[in-house]
Amino acid sequence: MIHIEEFTFNSFQTRCSIVWDEAGNCTFIDPGCSSPAEIDALVQTVSRKGLKPVCIMLTHGHFDHILGTARLARHFGNIPIYMHPADRFTLENNEYFCRWFGAPMPEAFETVDVKEGSVIEVGNLHFEVIETPGHTVGGVCYLERSEKILFSGDTLFAGAI
């Protein structure tokens, strides 16, 4: 069974999710934490629920979706960060966007490549990678087929842009 807790972070109101299985194995999806308080919200939730972070999954590399990624990965023992390699271009251009929007610059981090058909295992959960270029060249969605849940990042907007 899948469990999800959602957070809204930074001035762009970016959605971040903690997703875990019945054994407490968890992943963070799009940790756009722009302040220590936002990072603390994730850390405290993990602690309170007794979760075991396994990885971070990024739907794309825009700064508002990755702001807390490096700090969060370090805090939990350098857990792997999954992202499509085509979005390295997006990561490299975040400085321009951060200046444009007056946003903080994300810390650099290393990623593990995913592509169409890759599967990321988080305990008993299996997230299939679906390439969805458009919003960014390396945008992806993560489908947990057995639970019929799709994490789409900015591929789909509801009530916004």
C-alpha atoms as a PDB file:
ATOM      1  CA  MET A   1       0.000   0.000   0.000  1.00  0.00           C
ATOM      2  CA  ILE A   2       1.237   3.475  -0.904  1.00  0.00           C
ATOM      3  CA  HIS A   3       1.252   6.429   1.492  1.00  0.00           C
ATOM      4  CA  ILE A   4       1.692  10.036   0.396  1.00  0.00           C
ATOM      5  CA  GLU A   5       2.207  13.274   2.263  1.00  0.00           C
ATOM      6  CA  GLU A   6       2.321  16.442   0.196  1.00  0.00           C
ATOM      7  CA  PHE A   7       3.910  19.803   0.900  1.00  0.00           C
ATOM      8  CA  THR A   8       3.837  23.143  -0.891  1.00  0.00           C
ATOM      9  CA  PHE A   9       7.170  24.970  -0.886  1.00  0.00           C
ATOM     10  CA  ASN A  10       8.787  28.215  -2.013  1.00  0.00           C
ATOM     11  CA  SER A  11       7.219  31.305  -3.561  1.00  0.00           C
ATOM     12  CA  PHE A  12       6.286  29.321  -6.674  1.00  0.00           C
ATOM     13  CA  GLN A  13       4.125  26.969  -4.559  1.00  0.00           C
ATOM     14  CA  THR A  14       5.948  23.887  -5.817  1.00  0.00           C
ATOM     15  CA  ARG A  15       4.442  20.568  -4.769  1.00  0.00           C
ATOM     16  CA  CYS A  16       6.776  18.140  -3.005  1.00  0.00           C
ATOM     17  CA  SER A  17       5.739  14.644  -1.993  1.00  0.00           C
ATOM     18  CA  ILE A  18       7.052  12.087   0.454  1.00  0.00           C
ATOM     19  CA  VAL A  19       5.906   8.676  -0.754  1.00  0.00           C
ATOM     20  CA  TRP A  20       6.372   5.453   1.212  1.00  0.00           C
ATOM     21  CA  ASP A  21       5.420   1.798   1.384  1.00  0.00           C
ATOM     22  CA  GLU A  22       4.013  -0.158   4.332  1.00  0.00           C
ATOM     23  CA  ALA A  23       7.540  -0.882   5.621  1.00  0.00           C
ATOM     24  CA  GLY A  24       8.409   2.838   5.713  1.00  0.00           C
ATOM     25  CA  ASN A  25      10.778   2.957   2.719  1.00  0.00           C
ATOM     26  CA  CYS A  26      10.338   6.417   1.236  1.00  0.00           C
ATOM     27  CA  THR A  27      11.265   8.726  -1.595  1.00  0.00           C
ATOM     28  CA  PHE A  28      11.068  12.489  -1.959  1.00  0.00           C
ATOM     29  CA  ILE A  29       9.641  13.803  -5.223  1.00  0.00           C
ATOM     30  CA  ASP A  30      10.643  17.344  -6.266  1.00  0.00           C
ATOM     31  CA  PRO A  31      11.973  18.753  -2.974  1.00  0.00           C
ATOM     32  CA  GLY A  32      11.820  22.446  -3.852  1.00  0.00           C
ATOM     33  CA  CYS A  33      12.586  23.545  -0.286  1.00  0.00           C
ATOM     34  CA  SER A  34      13.809  27.148  -0.324  1.00  0.00           C
ATOM     35  CA  SER A  35      14.409  27.599   3.412  1.00  0.00           C
ATOM     36  CA  PRO A  36      15.726  25.677   6.408  1.00  0.00           C
ATOM     37  CA  ALA A  37      12.160  25.566   7.785  1.00  0.00           C
ATOM     38  CA  GLU A  38      10.945  23.778   4.642  1.00  0.00           C
ATOM     39  CA  ILE A  39      13.780  21.227   4.843  1.00  0.00           C
ATOM     40  CA  ASP A  40      12.939  20.742   8.525  1.00  0.00           C
ATOM     41  CA  ALA A  41       9.314  20.001   7.618  1.00  0.00           C
ATOM     42  CA  LEU A  42      10.462  17.037   5.519  1.00  0.00           C
ATOM     43  CA  VAL A  43      13.063  15.837   8.034  1.00  0.00           C
ATOM     44  CA  GLN A  44      10.574  16.035  10.909  1.00  0.00           C
ATOM     45  CA  THR A  45       7.914  14.160   8.926  1.00  0.00           C
ATOM     46  CA  VAL A  46      10.377  11.365   8.148  1.00  0.00           C
ATOM     47  CA  SER A  47      11.392  11.187  11.806  1.00  0.00           C
ATOM     48  CA  ARG A  48       7.850  11.356  13.185  1.00  0.00           C
ATOM     49  CA  LYS A  49       6.631   8.581  10.878  1.00  0.00           C
ATOM     50  CA  GLY A  50       9.758   6.440  11.258  1.00  0.00           C
ATOM     51  CA  LEU A  51      10.489   6.444   7.519  1.00  0.00           C
ATOM     52  CA  LYS A  52      13.670   5.259   5.767  1.00  0.00           C
ATOM     53  CA  PRO A  53      14.638   7.551   2.859  1.00  0.00           C
ATOM     54  CA  VAL A  54      15.788   5.561  -0.167  1.00  0.00           C
ATOM     55  CA  CYS A  55      16.116   8.225  -2.872  1.00  0.00           C
ATOM     56  CA  ILE A  56      15.014  11.519  -4.390  1.00  0.00           C
ATOM     57  CA  MET A  57      13.137  11.532  -7.706  1.00  0.00           C
ATOM     58  CA  LEU A  58      13.065  14.701  -9.820  1.00  0.00           C
ATOM     59  CA  THR A  59      10.425  15.236 -12.487  1.00  0.00           C
ATOM     60  CA  HIS A  60      12.607  17.942 -14.042  1.00  0.00           C
ATOM     61  CA  GLY A  61      15.453  20.286 -13.201  1.00  0.00           C
ATOM     62  CA  HIS A  62      13.840  23.705 -12.787  1.00  0.00           C
ATOM     63  CA  PHE A  63      15.176  25.480  -9.710  1.00  0.00           C
ATOM     64  CA  ASP A  64      11.820  25.610  -7.922  1.00  0.00           C
ATOM     65  CA  HIS A  65      11.640  21.790  -7.957  1.00  0.00           C
ATOM     66  CA  ILE A  66      15.217  21.114  -6.838  1.00  0.00           C
ATOM     67  CA  LEU A  67      16.123  23.835  -4.310  1.00  0.00           C
ATOM     68  CA  GLY A  68      16.394  21.449  -1.337  1.00  0.00           C
ATOM     69  CA  THR A  69      17.710  18.422  -3.206  1.00  0.00           C
ATOM     70  CA  ALA A  70      21.415  18.612  -2.289  1.00  0.00           C
ATOM     71  CA  ARG A  71      20.787  19.379   1.392  1.00  0.00           C
ATOM     72  CA  LEU A  72      18.163  16.653   1.708  1.00  0.00           C
ATOM     73  CA  ALA A  73      20.328  14.028  -0.006  1.00  0.00           C
ATOM     74  CA  ARG A  74      23.260  14.884   2.286  1.00  0.00           C
ATOM     75  CA  HIS A  75      21.098  14.840   5.413  1.00  0.00           C
ATOM     76  CA  PHE A  76      20.019  11.274   4.667  1.00  0.00           C
ATOM     77  CA  GLY A  77      23.468   9.880   3.857  1.00  0.00           C
ATOM     78  CA  ASN A  78      23.840  10.901   0.217  1.00  0.00           C
ATOM     79  CA  ILE A  79      20.818   9.008  -1.053  1.00  0.00           C
ATOM     80  CA  PRO A  80      20.661   8.771  -4.874  1.00  0.00           C
ATOM     81  CA  ILE A  81      18.949  11.484  -6.913  1.00  0.00           C
ATOM     82  CA  TYR A  82      17.159  10.309 -10.059  1.00  0.00           C
ATOM     83  CA  MET A  83      16.651  12.572 -13.082  1.00  0.00           C
ATOM     84  CA  HIS A  84      16.567  12.277 -16.866  1.00  0.00           C
ATOM     85  CA  PRO A  85      20.005  13.160 -18.338  1.00  0.00           C
ATOM     86  CA  ALA A  86      18.493  15.555 -20.899  1.00  0.00           C
ATOM     87  CA  ASP A  87      17.597  17.870 -18.020  1.00  0.00           C
ATOM     88  CA  ARG A  88      21.234  18.558 -17.186  1.00  0.00           C
ATOM     89  CA  PHE A  89      20.753  21.397 -19.669  1.00  0.00           C
ATOM     90  CA  THR A  90      18.010  22.752 -17.409  1.00  0.00           C
ATOM     91  CA  LEU A  91      20.240  22.431 -14.327  1.00  0.00           C
ATOM     92  CA  GLU A  92      23.008  24.326 -16.104  1.00  0.00           C
ATOM     93  CA  ASN A  93      20.648  27.190 -16.916  1.00  0.00           C
ATOM     94  CA  ASN A  94      19.062  27.605 -13.483  1.00  0.00           C
ATOM     95  CA  GLU A  95      21.424  30.481 -12.677  1.00  0.00           C
ATOM     96  CA  TYR A  96      19.764  32.574 -15.383  1.00  0.00           C
ATOM     97  CA  PHE A  97      16.261  31.770 -14.117  1.00  0.00           C
ATOM     98  CA  CYS A  98      17.186  32.347 -10.473  1.00  0.00           C
ATOM     99  CA  ARG A  99      18.537  35.802 -11.292  1.00  0.00           C
ATOM    100  CA  TRP A 100      15.466  36.561 -13.396  1.00  0.00           C
ATOM    101  CA  PHE A 101      13.064  35.612 -10.580  1.00  0.00           C
ATOM    102  CA  GLY A 102      15.259  36.744  -7.658  1.00  0.00           C
ATOM    103  CA  ALA A 103      15.338  33.188  -6.319  1.00  0.00           C
ATOM    104  CA  PRO A 104      18.159  31.428  -4.457  1.00  0.00           C
ATOM    105  CA  MET A 105      20.522  29.336  -6.540  1.00  0.00           C
ATOM    106  CA  PRO A 106      20.262  25.587  -5.837  1.00  0.00           C
ATOM    107  CA  GLU A 107      23.358  23.739  -4.640  1.00  0.00           C
ATOM    108  CA  ALA A 108      24.958  21.419  -7.199  1.00  0.00           C
ATOM    109  CA  PHE A 109      24.393  17.666  -6.950  1.00  0.00           C
ATOM    110  CA  GLU A 110      25.068  14.495  -8.906  1.00  0.00           C
ATOM    111  CA  THR A 111      22.233  12.509 -10.466  1.00  0.00           C
ATOM    112  CA  VAL A 112      21.556   8.944 -11.505  1.00  0.00           C
ATOM    113  CA  ASP A 113      20.150   8.783 -15.030  1.00  0.00           C
ATOM    114  CA  VAL A 114      16.657   7.487 -15.728  1.00  0.00           C
ATOM    115  CA  LYS A 115      14.946   7.082 -19.075  1.00  0.00           C
ATOM    116  CA  GLU A 116      11.707   5.770 -20.552  1.00  0.00           C
ATOM    117  CA  GLY A 117      11.010   2.363 -19.024  1.00  0.00           C
ATOM    118  CA  SER A 118      13.429   2.675 -16.095  1.00  0.00           C
ATOM    119  CA  VAL A 119      11.979   1.415 -12.821  1.00  0.00           C
ATOM    120  CA  ILE A 120      12.910   2.903  -9.454  1.00  0.00           C
ATOM    121  CA  GLU A 121      12.225   0.607  -6.529  1.00  0.00           C
ATOM    122  CA  VAL A 122      11.301   2.103  -3.186  1.00  0.00           C
ATOM    123  CA  GLY A 123      10.659  -0.928  -1.021  1.00  0.00           C
ATOM    124  CA  ASN A 124       7.548  -2.562  -2.446  1.00  0.00           C
ATOM    125  CA  LEU A 125       6.760   0.399  -4.684  1.00  0.00           C
ATOM    126  CA  HIS A 126       7.909   0.363  -8.316  1.00  0.00           C
ATOM    127  CA  PHE A 127       7.961   3.695 -10.116  1.00  0.00           C
ATOM    128  CA  GLU A 128       8.044   3.438 -13.913  1.00  0.00           C
ATOM    129  CA  VAL A 129       9.670   6.380 -15.685  1.00  0.00           C
ATOM    130  CA  ILE A 130       7.649   7.932 -18.502  1.00  0.00           C
ATOM    131  CA  GLU A 131       9.439  10.524 -20.616  1.00  0.00           C
ATOM    132  CA  THR A 132       7.279  13.639 -21.008  1.00  0.00           C
ATOM    133  CA  PRO A 133       9.402  16.294 -22.703  1.00  0.00           C
ATOM    134  CA  GLY A 134       7.750  19.636 -23.244  1.00  0.00           C
ATOM    135  CA  HIS A 135       7.913  21.640 -20.042  1.00  0.00           C
ATOM    136  CA  THR A 136      11.629  20.769 -20.118  1.00  0.00           C
ATOM    137  CA  VAL A 137      13.577  18.566 -22.532  1.00  0.00           C
ATOM    138  CA  GLY A 138      14.154  15.917 -19.871  1.00  0.00           C
ATOM    139  CA  GLY A 139      10.827  16.050 -18.075  1.00  0.00           C
ATOM    140  CA  VAL A 140       9.530  12.738 -16.728  1.00  0.00           C
ATOM    141  CA  CYS A 141       6.569  11.371 -14.828  1.00  0.00           C
ATOM    142  CA  TYR A 142       6.732   8.544 -12.301  1.00  0.00           C
ATOM    143  CA  LEU A 143       3.968   5.946 -12.455  1.00  0.00           C
ATOM    144  CA  GLU A 144       3.282   3.501  -9.650  1.00  0.00           C
ATOM    145  CA  ARG A 145       1.138   1.239 -11.796  1.00  0.00           C
ATOM    146  CA  SER A 146      -0.202  -1.132  -9.137  1.00  0.00           C
ATOM    147  CA  GLU A 147      -1.431   1.843  -7.082  1.00  0.00           C
ATOM    148  CA  LYS A 148      -2.620   3.757 -10.187  1.00  0.00           C
ATOM    149  CA  ILE A 149      -0.785   6.919  -9.134  1.00  0.00           C
ATOM    150  CA  LEU A 150       1.193   9.245 -11.407  1.00  0.00           C
ATOM    151  CA  PHE A 151       3.578  11.949 -10.195  1.00  0.00           C
ATOM    152  CA  SER A 152       3.709  14.438 -13.062  1.00  0.00           C
ATOM    153  CA  GLY A 153       5.626  17.475 -11.797  1.00  0.00           C
ATOM    154  CA  ASP A 154       4.852  20.377 -14.126  1.00  0.00           C
ATOM    155  CA  THR A 155       3.734  18.159 -16.995  1.00  0.00           C
ATOM    156  CA  LEU A 156       0.171  18.793 -15.760  1.00  0.00           C
ATOM    157  CA  PHE A 157      -1.029  21.884 -13.947  1.00  0.00           C
ATOM    158  CA  ALA A 158      -4.255  22.091 -11.959  1.00  0.00           C
ATOM    159  CA  GLY A 159      -5.584  25.428 -10.808  1.00  0.00           C
ATOM    160  CA  ALA A 160      -2.472  27.291 -11.958  1.00  0.00           C
ATOM    161  CA  ILE A 161      -0.534  28.319 -15.055  1.00  0.00           C
END
